[in-house]
Amino acid sequence: MNSQAPEATPQHAPSVGQPYTRNDEASHDLSIRVRDLNLWYGKNQALTDINIDLFRKNVTALIGPSGCGKSTFLRCLNRMNDLIPSVRTEGLVEMDGQDVNAPKMDEVALRRRVGMVFQKPNPFPKSIFENVAYAPRMHDLVSRKADQDELVEKALRSAGLWNEVKDKLQEPGTSLSGGQQQRLCIARAIAVQPDVILMDEPTSALDPISTATIEDLMDKLKKDFTIITVTHNMQQAARVADYTAFFHLGEIIEYNDTKVMFSTPAKKKTEDYISGRYG
């Protein structure tokens, strides 16, 4: 169930290329600030002049047709695009006042702060316990076995998985069902205590029951984490997101409170996409 947007949120969309901001005393609620972000794959420009403010402890959905830049933008937030040799970026991506693209930025530390859950569940070829405990141990967040046990239980409980796996923690993570594997990946992401969780179509490979479980989980997790999710499912965006950004051909066409965008979109192109006239 969507939490109600702050009353002071402006009930109109910004102009294309302008960031969506809030008029209340909410500067402390700003998690990620993006200004004039451009990205190229070789000579092909995939993102053009992206300006957006992403708010702390909210769910923001990125919607738009396939190939419009949603996942590319998502990967800019934890610098996963750096792994692609042909990629070149310009512009500012600022998290809590720090430029994530600054040369001094530790990419490993950044990816601990910005966890990621992918479209297809990808548990490590390790036990359920090790899937959750491995990264916190490598980051020196825990060392003693008792602390690891406590962290694993807490992460699995937060991911709504503990009761289903508490008696088989030493079994392979790959032995779980698809929906359980995705929740295990969420537990793995939150175990390192990130500030932000990126989700790239996290339910597209799941059945309707597992999808509903993940959606309920997102609503609970936003109490502690900033969540940014890519989805092609308009109904899902309407159900889970506090804010929604509509991408088209590498640009943000509209970004607003989800209820406002889905009821009274400011742009004809947004209305056409949401209503299913194209996609």
C-alpha atoms as a PDB file:
ATOM      1  CA  MET A   1       0.000   0.000   0.000  1.00  0.00           C
ATOM      2  CA  ASN A   2       1.444   3.331  -0.993  1.00  0.00           C
ATOM      3  CA  SER A   3       2.283   5.724   1.813  1.00  0.00           C
ATOM      4  CA  GLN A   4       0.697   9.122   1.411  1.00  0.00           C
ATOM      5  CA  ALA A   5       2.963  11.706  -0.169  1.00  0.00           C
ATOM      6  CA  PRO A   6       3.916  14.713   1.972  1.00  0.00           C
ATOM      7  CA  GLU A   7       1.265  17.423   1.784  1.00  0.00           C
ATOM      8  CA  ALA A   8       3.835  19.991   0.693  1.00  0.00           C
ATOM      9  CA  THR A   9       4.832  18.009  -2.386  1.00  0.00           C
ATOM     10  CA  PRO A  10       3.920  20.157  -5.418  1.00  0.00           C
ATOM     11  CA  GLN A  11       0.997  18.693  -7.319  1.00  0.00           C
ATOM     12  CA  HIS A  12       2.457  19.290 -10.737  1.00  0.00           C
ATOM     13  CA  ALA A  13       5.247  17.811 -12.786  1.00  0.00           C
ATOM     14  CA  PRO A  14       8.444  19.733 -13.530  1.00  0.00           C
ATOM     15  CA  SER A  15       9.373  20.781 -17.020  1.00  0.00           C
ATOM     16  CA  VAL A  16      11.331  18.229 -18.990  1.00  0.00           C
ATOM     17  CA  GLY A  17      14.947  18.309 -17.899  1.00  0.00           C
ATOM     18  CA  GLN A  18      14.160  20.015 -14.590  1.00  0.00           C
ATOM     19  CA  PRO A  19      14.465  18.181 -11.274  1.00  0.00           C
ATOM     20  CA  TYR A  20      11.411  17.423  -9.199  1.00  0.00           C
ATOM     21  CA  THR A  21      11.818  19.170  -5.841  1.00  0.00           C
ATOM     22  CA  ARG A  22       9.743  19.690  -2.734  1.00  0.00           C
ATOM     23  CA  ASN A  23       8.819  22.986  -1.105  1.00  0.00           C
ATOM     24  CA  ASP A  24       8.720  21.728   2.475  1.00  0.00           C
ATOM     25  CA  GLU A  25      11.661  21.463   4.833  1.00  0.00           C
ATOM     26  CA  ALA A  26      12.690  18.218   3.177  1.00  0.00           C
ATOM     27  CA  SER A  27      16.240  18.865   2.054  1.00  0.00           C
ATOM     28  CA  HIS A  28      17.342  16.344   4.661  1.00  0.00           C
ATOM     29  CA  ASP A  29      15.067  13.796   2.914  1.00  0.00           C
ATOM     30  CA  LEU A  30      17.097  14.032  -0.294  1.00  0.00           C
ATOM     31  CA  SER A  31      19.047  10.813  -0.808  1.00  0.00           C
ATOM     32  CA  ILE A  32      20.377  11.136  -4.366  1.00  0.00           C
ATOM     33  CA  ARG A  33      20.709  14.276  -6.489  1.00  0.00           C
ATOM     34  CA  VAL A  34      21.319  13.903 -10.235  1.00  0.00           C
ATOM     35  CA  ARG A  35      22.125  16.868 -12.456  1.00  0.00           C
ATOM     36  CA  ASP A  36      22.791  17.021 -16.211  1.00  0.00           C
ATOM     37  CA  LEU A  37      23.636  13.310 -16.419  1.00  0.00           C
ATOM     38  CA  ASN A  38      24.557  12.084 -19.891  1.00  0.00           C
ATOM     39  CA  LEU A  39      25.790   8.615 -20.836  1.00  0.00           C
ATOM     40  CA  TRP A  40      27.126   7.113 -24.043  1.00  0.00           C
ATOM     41  CA  TYR A  41      27.762   3.523 -25.114  1.00  0.00           C
ATOM     42  CA  GLY A  42      30.522   4.275 -27.566  1.00  0.00           C
ATOM     43  CA  LYS A  43      28.989   6.853 -29.921  1.00  0.00           C
ATOM     44  CA  ASN A  44      25.401   5.995 -28.973  1.00  0.00           C
ATOM     45  CA  GLN A  45      23.915   8.348 -26.379  1.00  0.00           C
ATOM     46  CA  ALA A  46      21.699   6.372 -24.005  1.00  0.00           C
ATOM     47  CA  LEU A  47      20.888   9.047 -21.382  1.00  0.00           C
ATOM     48  CA  THR A  48      20.344  12.736 -22.122  1.00  0.00           C
ATOM     49  CA  ASP A  49      20.328  15.543 -19.538  1.00  0.00           C
ATOM     50  CA  ILE A  50      18.883  13.547 -16.639  1.00  0.00           C
ATOM     51  CA  ASN A  51      17.888  15.749 -13.685  1.00  0.00           C
ATOM     52  CA  ILE A  52      16.158  14.131 -10.739  1.00  0.00           C
ATOM     53  CA  ASP A  53      15.987  14.202  -6.929  1.00  0.00           C
ATOM     54  CA  LEU A  54      15.436  10.834  -5.258  1.00  0.00           C
ATOM     55  CA  PHE A  55      14.009  10.958  -1.758  1.00  0.00           C
ATOM     56  CA  ARG A  56      15.098   8.971   1.265  1.00  0.00           C
ATOM     57  CA  LYS A  57      12.971   6.090   2.573  1.00  0.00           C
ATOM     58  CA  ASN A  58      10.573   6.156  -0.352  1.00  0.00           C
ATOM     59  CA  VAL A  59      10.002   3.814  -3.278  1.00  0.00           C
ATOM     60  CA  THR A  60      10.687   5.442  -6.647  1.00  0.00           C
ATOM     61  CA  ALA A  61       9.623   3.522  -9.758  1.00  0.00           C
ATOM     62  CA  LEU A  62      11.274   4.001 -13.140  1.00  0.00           C
ATOM     63  CA  ILE A  63       8.875   3.196 -15.976  1.00  0.00           C
ATOM     64  CA  GLY A  64       9.074   3.389 -19.739  1.00  0.00           C
ATOM     65  CA  PRO A  65       9.395   1.231 -22.878  1.00  0.00           C
ATOM     66  CA  SER A  66      12.183  -1.324 -23.252  1.00  0.00           C
ATOM     67  CA  GLY A  67      15.499   0.258 -24.154  1.00  0.00           C
ATOM     68  CA  CYS A  68      14.565   3.735 -22.884  1.00  0.00           C
ATOM     69  CA  GLY A  69      17.427   4.017 -20.369  1.00  0.00           C
ATOM     70  CA  LYS A  70      15.830   2.916 -17.081  1.00  0.00           C
ATOM     71  CA  SER A  71      18.303   0.176 -16.206  1.00  0.00           C
ATOM     72  CA  THR A  72      21.208   2.212 -17.552  1.00  0.00           C
ATOM     73  CA  PHE A  73      20.236   5.038 -15.206  1.00  0.00           C
ATOM     74  CA  LEU A  74      19.873   2.613 -12.299  1.00  0.00           C
ATOM     75  CA  ARG A  75      23.422   1.351 -12.860  1.00  0.00           C
ATOM     76  CA  CYS A  76      24.739   4.925 -12.805  1.00  0.00           C
ATOM     77  CA  LEU A  77      23.810   5.114  -9.129  1.00  0.00           C
ATOM     78  CA  ASN A  78      26.315   2.438  -8.058  1.00  0.00           C
ATOM     79  CA  ARG A  79      28.729   2.826 -10.971  1.00  0.00           C
ATOM     80  CA  MET A  80      28.077  -0.632 -12.391  1.00  0.00           C
ATOM     81  CA  ASN A  81      28.273   0.939 -15.848  1.00  0.00           C
ATOM     82  CA  ASP A  82      31.994   1.399 -15.151  1.00  0.00           C
ATOM     83  CA  LEU A  83      32.338  -2.322 -15.844  1.00  0.00           C
ATOM     84  CA  ILE A  84      31.437  -1.692 -19.521  1.00  0.00           C
ATOM     85  CA  PRO A  85      34.558  -0.444 -21.396  1.00  0.00           C
ATOM     86  CA  SER A  86      32.644   1.599 -23.998  1.00  0.00           C
ATOM     87  CA  VAL A  87      30.667   3.648 -21.456  1.00  0.00           C
ATOM     88  CA  ARG A  88      31.335   7.354 -20.948  1.00  0.00           C
ATOM     89  CA  THR A  89      29.384   9.577 -18.566  1.00  0.00           C
ATOM     90  CA  GLU A  90      29.138  13.289 -17.824  1.00  0.00           C
ATOM     91  CA  GLY A  91      27.235  15.103 -15.102  1.00  0.00           C
ATOM     92  CA  LEU A  92      26.661  14.848 -11.377  1.00  0.00           C
ATOM     93  CA  VAL A  93      25.371  11.927  -9.319  1.00  0.00           C
ATOM     94  CA  GLU A  94      25.514  13.019  -5.696  1.00  0.00           C
ATOM     95  CA  MET A  95      24.658  10.845  -2.724  1.00  0.00           C
ATOM     96  CA  ASP A  96      24.421  12.540   0.660  1.00  0.00           C
ATOM     97  CA  GLY A  97      26.565  15.362  -0.722  1.00  0.00           C
ATOM     98  CA  GLN A  98      29.251  13.088  -2.200  1.00  0.00           C
ATOM     99  CA  ASP A  99      29.912  12.842  -5.936  1.00  0.00           C
ATOM    100  CA  VAL A 100      29.807   9.099  -6.639  1.00  0.00           C
ATOM    101  CA  ASN A 101      31.898   9.599  -9.791  1.00  0.00           C
ATOM    102  CA  ALA A 102      34.713  11.434  -8.017  1.00  0.00           C
ATOM    103  CA  PRO A 103      38.127   9.780  -8.544  1.00  0.00           C
ATOM    104  CA  LYS A 104      38.540   9.371  -4.792  1.00  0.00           C
ATOM    105  CA  MET A 105      35.249   7.487  -4.453  1.00  0.00           C
ATOM    106  CA  ASP A 106      35.809   3.888  -3.356  1.00  0.00           C
ATOM    107  CA  GLU A 107      33.628   1.834  -5.717  1.00  0.00           C
ATOM    108  CA  VAL A 108      33.512  -1.145  -3.357  1.00  0.00           C
ATOM    109  CA  ALA A 109      32.358   1.081  -0.496  1.00  0.00           C
ATOM    110  CA  LEU A 110      29.817   2.722  -2.806  1.00  0.00           C
ATOM    111  CA  ARG A 111      28.319  -0.639  -3.772  1.00  0.00           C
ATOM    112  CA  ARG A 112      28.032  -1.561  -0.121  1.00  0.00           C
ATOM    113  CA  ARG A 113      25.984   1.600   0.435  1.00  0.00           C
ATOM    114  CA  VAL A 114      23.954   1.010  -2.742  1.00  0.00           C
ATOM    115  CA  GLY A 115      22.778  -2.593  -2.886  1.00  0.00           C
ATOM    116  CA  MET A 116      21.305  -4.139  -6.005  1.00  0.00           C
ATOM    117  CA  VAL A 117      18.728  -6.826  -6.727  1.00  0.00           C
ATOM    118  CA  PHE A 118      18.600  -8.059 -10.316  1.00  0.00           C
ATOM    119  CA  GLN A 119      15.815  -9.198 -12.611  1.00  0.00           C
ATOM    120  CA  LYS A 120      16.744 -12.869 -12.331  1.00  0.00           C
ATOM    121  CA  PRO A 121      17.519 -14.222  -8.847  1.00  0.00           C
ATOM    122  CA  ASN A 122      21.270 -14.845  -8.624  1.00  0.00           C
ATOM    123  CA  PRO A 123      22.141 -16.484  -5.291  1.00  0.00           C
ATOM    124  CA  PHE A 124      25.792 -17.365  -4.759  1.00  0.00           C
ATOM    125  CA  PRO A 125      26.707 -21.064  -5.149  1.00  0.00           C
ATOM    126  CA  LYS A 126      26.915 -21.212  -1.362  1.00  0.00           C
ATOM    127  CA  SER A 127      24.669 -22.154   1.522  1.00  0.00           C
ATOM    128  CA  ILE A 128      21.706 -19.977   2.446  1.00  0.00           C
ATOM    129  CA  PHE A 129      23.639 -18.855   5.515  1.00  0.00           C
ATOM    130  CA  GLU A 130      26.766 -17.955   3.529  1.00  0.00           C
ATOM    131  CA  ASN A 131      24.756 -16.069   0.919  1.00  0.00           C
ATOM    132  CA  VAL A 132      23.826 -13.605   3.642  1.00  0.00           C
ATOM    133  CA  ALA A 133      26.918 -13.717   5.882  1.00  0.00           C
ATOM    134  CA  TYR A 134      29.668 -13.616   3.253  1.00  0.00           C
ATOM    135  CA  ALA A 135      29.605  -9.904   2.273  1.00  0.00           C
ATOM    136  CA  PRO A 136      29.228  -8.526   5.834  1.00  0.00           C
ATOM    137  CA  ARG A 137      32.191 -10.659   6.869  1.00  0.00           C
ATOM    138  CA  MET A 138      34.278  -9.434   3.919  1.00  0.00           C
ATOM    139  CA  HIS A 139      33.416  -5.823   4.826  1.00  0.00           C
ATOM    140  CA  ASP A 140      34.406  -6.472   8.465  1.00  0.00           C
ATOM    141  CA  LEU A 141      30.893  -5.712   9.663  1.00  0.00           C
ATOM    142  CA  VAL A 142      30.869  -8.925  11.704  1.00  0.00           C
ATOM    143  CA  SER A 143      33.491 -11.431  12.735  1.00  0.00           C
ATOM    144  CA  ARG A 144      32.291 -13.519  15.674  1.00  0.00           C
ATOM    145  CA  LYS A 145      30.061 -16.472  14.801  1.00  0.00           C
ATOM    146  CA  ALA A 146      27.366 -15.274  17.209  1.00  0.00           C
ATOM    147  CA  ASP A 147      27.264 -11.885  15.481  1.00  0.00           C
ATOM    148  CA  GLN A 148      27.048 -13.563  12.088  1.00  0.00           C
ATOM    149  CA  ASP A 149      24.166 -15.728  13.288  1.00  0.00           C
ATOM    150  CA  GLU A 150      22.327 -12.675  14.561  1.00  0.00           C
ATOM    151  CA  LEU A 151      22.909 -10.692  11.366  1.00  0.00           C
ATOM    152  CA  VAL A 152      21.790 -13.572   9.130  1.00  0.00           C
ATOM    153  CA  GLU A 153      18.601 -14.063  11.106  1.00  0.00           C
ATOM    154  CA  LYS A 154      17.844 -10.346  11.097  1.00  0.00           C
ATOM    155  CA  ALA A 155      18.395 -10.025   7.328  1.00  0.00           C
ATOM    156  CA  LEU A 156      16.322 -13.109   6.546  1.00  0.00           C
ATOM    157  CA  ARG A 157      13.532 -11.880   8.817  1.00  0.00           C
ATOM    158  CA  SER A 158      13.617  -8.485   7.119  1.00  0.00           C
ATOM    159  CA  ALA A 159      13.323 -10.257   3.755  1.00  0.00           C
ATOM    160  CA  GLY A 160      10.367 -12.324   5.015  1.00  0.00           C
ATOM    161  CA  LEU A 161      12.271 -15.562   4.543  1.00  0.00           C
ATOM    162  CA  TRP A 162      13.422 -16.645   8.005  1.00  0.00           C
ATOM    163  CA  ASN A 163      10.511 -18.935   8.886  1.00  0.00           C
ATOM    164  CA  GLU A 164      10.862 -20.762   5.568  1.00  0.00           C
ATOM    165  CA  VAL A 165      14.611 -21.434   5.793  1.00  0.00           C
ATOM    166  CA  LYS A 166      15.590 -21.363   9.485  1.00  0.00           C
ATOM    167  CA  ASP A 167      15.881 -25.166   9.595  1.00  0.00           C
ATOM    168  CA  LYS A 168      17.934 -25.495   6.393  1.00  0.00           C
ATOM    169  CA  LEU A 169      20.468 -22.668   6.532  1.00  0.00           C
ATOM    170  CA  GLN A 170      23.273 -24.957   5.357  1.00  0.00           C
ATOM    171  CA  GLU A 171      21.427 -26.027   2.206  1.00  0.00           C
ATOM    172  CA  PRO A 172      22.377 -24.351  -1.094  1.00  0.00           C
ATOM    173  CA  GLY A 173      20.669 -21.071  -1.856  1.00  0.00           C
ATOM    174  CA  THR A 174      19.985 -22.426  -5.338  1.00  0.00           C
ATOM    175  CA  SER A 175      17.747 -25.120  -3.823  1.00  0.00           C
ATOM    176  CA  LEU A 176      15.068 -22.539  -3.034  1.00  0.00           C
ATOM    177  CA  SER A 177      12.136 -21.629  -5.281  1.00  0.00           C
ATOM    178  CA  GLY A 178      12.458 -18.629  -7.589  1.00  0.00           C
ATOM    179  CA  GLY A 179      10.543 -16.315  -5.266  1.00  0.00           C
ATOM    180  CA  GLN A 180      12.525 -17.518  -2.257  1.00  0.00           C
ATOM    181  CA  GLN A 181      15.792 -17.019  -4.152  1.00  0.00           C
ATOM    182  CA  GLN A 182      14.833 -13.428  -4.921  1.00  0.00           C
ATOM    183  CA  ARG A 183      14.061 -12.786  -1.251  1.00  0.00           C
ATOM    184  CA  LEU A 184      17.407 -14.369  -0.394  1.00  0.00           C
ATOM    185  CA  CYS A 185      19.058 -11.891  -2.775  1.00  0.00           C
ATOM    186  CA  ILE A 186      17.199  -9.074  -1.005  1.00  0.00           C
ATOM    187  CA  ALA A 187      18.412 -10.402   2.359  1.00  0.00           C
ATOM    188  CA  ARG A 188      21.946 -10.509   0.941  1.00  0.00           C
ATOM    189  CA  ALA A 189      21.625  -6.890  -0.215  1.00  0.00           C
ATOM    190  CA  ILE A 190      20.341  -5.534   3.108  1.00  0.00           C
ATOM    191  CA  ALA A 191      22.795  -7.567   5.219  1.00  0.00           C
ATOM    192  CA  VAL A 192      25.578  -5.043   4.527  1.00  0.00           C
ATOM    193  CA  GLN A 193      23.356  -2.222   5.830  1.00  0.00           C
ATOM    194  CA  PRO A 194      23.069  -0.142   2.648  1.00  0.00           C
ATOM    195  CA  ASP A 195      21.409   3.247   2.402  1.00  0.00           C
ATOM    196  CA  VAL A 196      19.832   2.523  -0.987  1.00  0.00           C
ATOM    197  CA  ILE A 197      18.506  -0.629  -2.645  1.00  0.00           C
ATOM    198  CA  LEU A 198      18.283  -0.717  -6.443  1.00  0.00           C
ATOM    199  CA  MET A 199      15.869  -3.253  -7.926  1.00  0.00           C
ATOM    200  CA  ASP A 200      15.968  -3.972 -11.657  1.00  0.00           C
ATOM    201  CA  GLU A 201      12.612  -5.568 -12.508  1.00  0.00           C
ATOM    202  CA  PRO A 202      12.814  -7.756  -9.393  1.00  0.00           C
ATOM    203  CA  THR A 203       9.516  -9.568 -10.003  1.00  0.00           C
ATOM    204  CA  SER A 204       9.483 -10.016 -13.789  1.00  0.00           C
ATOM    205  CA  ALA A 205      10.670 -13.651 -13.517  1.00  0.00           C
ATOM    206  CA  LEU A 206       8.323 -14.534 -10.652  1.00  0.00           C
ATOM    207  CA  ASP A 207       4.803 -15.950 -10.364  1.00  0.00           C
ATOM    208  CA  PRO A 208       1.945 -13.715  -9.135  1.00  0.00           C
ATOM    209  CA  ILE A 209       2.097 -14.962  -5.530  1.00  0.00           C
ATOM    210  CA  SER A 210       5.849 -14.378  -5.287  1.00  0.00           C
ATOM    211  CA  THR A 211       5.388 -10.988  -6.961  1.00  0.00           C
ATOM    212  CA  ALA A 212       2.828  -9.949  -4.340  1.00  0.00           C
ATOM    213  CA  THR A 213       5.217 -11.090  -1.591  1.00  0.00           C
ATOM    214  CA  ILE A 214       8.059  -8.972  -2.989  1.00  0.00           C
ATOM    215  CA  GLU A 215       5.764  -5.949  -3.359  1.00  0.00           C
ATOM    216  CA  ASP A 216       4.664  -6.246   0.280  1.00  0.00           C
ATOM    217  CA  LEU A 217       8.305  -6.575   1.251  1.00  0.00           C
ATOM    218  CA  MET A 218       9.244  -3.374  -0.604  1.00  0.00           C
ATOM    219  CA  ASP A 219       6.560  -1.499   1.315  1.00  0.00           C
ATOM    220  CA  LYS A 220       8.055  -2.707   4.606  1.00  0.00           C
ATOM    221  CA  LEU A 221      11.684  -2.146   3.618  1.00  0.00           C
ATOM    222  CA  LYS A 222      11.182   1.509   2.681  1.00  0.00           C
ATOM    223  CA  LYS A 223      10.872   2.272   6.392  1.00  0.00           C
ATOM    224  CA  ASP A 224      14.631   1.673   6.566  1.00  0.00           C
ATOM    225  CA  PHE A 225      15.929   2.001   3.000  1.00  0.00           C
ATOM    226  CA  THR A 226      15.601   4.185  -0.078  1.00  0.00           C
ATOM    227  CA  ILE A 227      14.318   1.920  -2.857  1.00  0.00           C
ATOM    228  CA  ILE A 228      14.583   2.652  -6.582  1.00  0.00           C
ATOM    229  CA  THR A 229      12.992   0.045  -8.813  1.00  0.00           C
ATOM    230  CA  VAL A 230      12.638  -0.492 -12.555  1.00  0.00           C
ATOM    231  CA  THR A 231       9.340  -2.001 -13.656  1.00  0.00           C
ATOM    232  CA  HIS A 232       7.396  -2.516 -16.881  1.00  0.00           C
ATOM    233  CA  ASN A 233       4.258  -3.235 -14.865  1.00  0.00           C
ATOM    234  CA  MET A 234       2.144  -0.089 -14.572  1.00  0.00           C
ATOM    235  CA  GLN A 235      -0.076  -1.655 -11.916  1.00  0.00           C
ATOM    236  CA  GLN A 236       2.975  -2.540  -9.863  1.00  0.00           C
ATOM    237  CA  ALA A 237       4.313   1.019 -10.048  1.00  0.00           C
ATOM    238  CA  ALA A 238       0.914   2.331  -8.950  1.00  0.00           C
ATOM    239  CA  ARG A 239       0.831  -0.126  -6.036  1.00  0.00           C
ATOM    240  CA  VAL A 240       4.331   0.196  -4.619  1.00  0.00           C
ATOM    241  CA  ALA A 241       5.835   3.538  -5.626  1.00  0.00           C
ATOM    242  CA  ASP A 242       5.639   6.861  -3.818  1.00  0.00           C
ATOM    243  CA  TYR A 243       7.209   8.607  -6.834  1.00  0.00           C
ATOM    244  CA  THR A 244       7.399   7.576 -10.480  1.00  0.00           C
ATOM    245  CA  ALA A 245       9.721   8.700 -13.282  1.00  0.00           C
ATOM    246  CA  PHE A 246       8.734   8.071 -16.898  1.00  0.00           C
ATOM    247  CA  PHE A 247      11.694   7.506 -19.216  1.00  0.00           C
ATOM    248  CA  HIS A 248      11.505   7.657 -23.009  1.00  0.00           C
ATOM    249  CA  LEU A 249      14.411   7.507 -25.475  1.00  0.00           C
ATOM    250  CA  GLY A 250      16.956   8.217 -22.752  1.00  0.00           C
ATOM    251  CA  GLU A 251      15.160  11.232 -21.278  1.00  0.00           C
ATOM    252  CA  ILE A 252      12.901  11.769 -18.288  1.00  0.00           C
ATOM    253  CA  ILE A 253       9.584  12.917 -19.712  1.00  0.00           C
ATOM    254  CA  GLU A 254       7.790  13.276 -16.395  1.00  0.00           C
ATOM    255  CA  TYR A 255       8.517  12.671 -12.708  1.00  0.00           C
ATOM    256  CA  ASN A 256       6.022  13.171  -9.945  1.00  0.00           C
ATOM    257  CA  ASP A 257       4.102  11.771  -7.013  1.00  0.00           C
ATOM    258  CA  THR A 258       2.780   8.430  -8.288  1.00  0.00           C
ATOM    259  CA  LYS A 259      -0.874   9.130  -7.500  1.00  0.00           C
ATOM    260  CA  VAL A 260      -0.698  12.451  -9.318  1.00  0.00           C
ATOM    261  CA  MET A 261       1.094  11.020 -12.354  1.00  0.00           C
ATOM    262  CA  PHE A 262      -1.288   8.109 -12.750  1.00  0.00           C
ATOM    263  CA  SER A 263      -4.436  10.210 -12.249  1.00  0.00           C
ATOM    264  CA  THR A 264      -3.504  13.468 -13.991  1.00  0.00           C
ATOM    265  CA  PRO A 265      -0.272  13.123 -15.991  1.00  0.00           C
ATOM    266  CA  ALA A 266       1.083  16.461 -17.181  1.00  0.00           C
ATOM    267  CA  LYS A 267       2.461  15.150 -20.490  1.00  0.00           C
ATOM    268  CA  LYS A 268       0.454  13.585 -23.321  1.00  0.00           C
ATOM    269  CA  LYS A 269       3.257  11.089 -23.911  1.00  0.00           C
ATOM    270  CA  THR A 270       3.042   9.955 -20.273  1.00  0.00           C
ATOM    271  CA  GLU A 271      -0.728   9.564 -20.534  1.00  0.00           C
ATOM    272  CA  ASP A 272      -0.375   7.505 -23.714  1.00  0.00           C
ATOM    273  CA  TYR A 273       2.187   5.183 -22.139  1.00  0.00           C
ATOM    274  CA  ILE A 274       0.326   4.689 -18.854  1.00  0.00           C
ATOM    275  CA  SER A 275      -2.931   4.021 -20.692  1.00  0.00           C
ATOM    276  CA  GLY A 276      -1.245   1.409 -22.888  1.00  0.00           C
ATOM    277  CA  ARG A 277      -1.498   3.238 -26.199  1.00  0.00           C
ATOM    278  CA  TYR A 278       2.133   2.319 -26.818  1.00  0.00           C
ATOM    279  CA  GLY A 279       4.975   0.617 -24.999  1.00  0.00           C
END
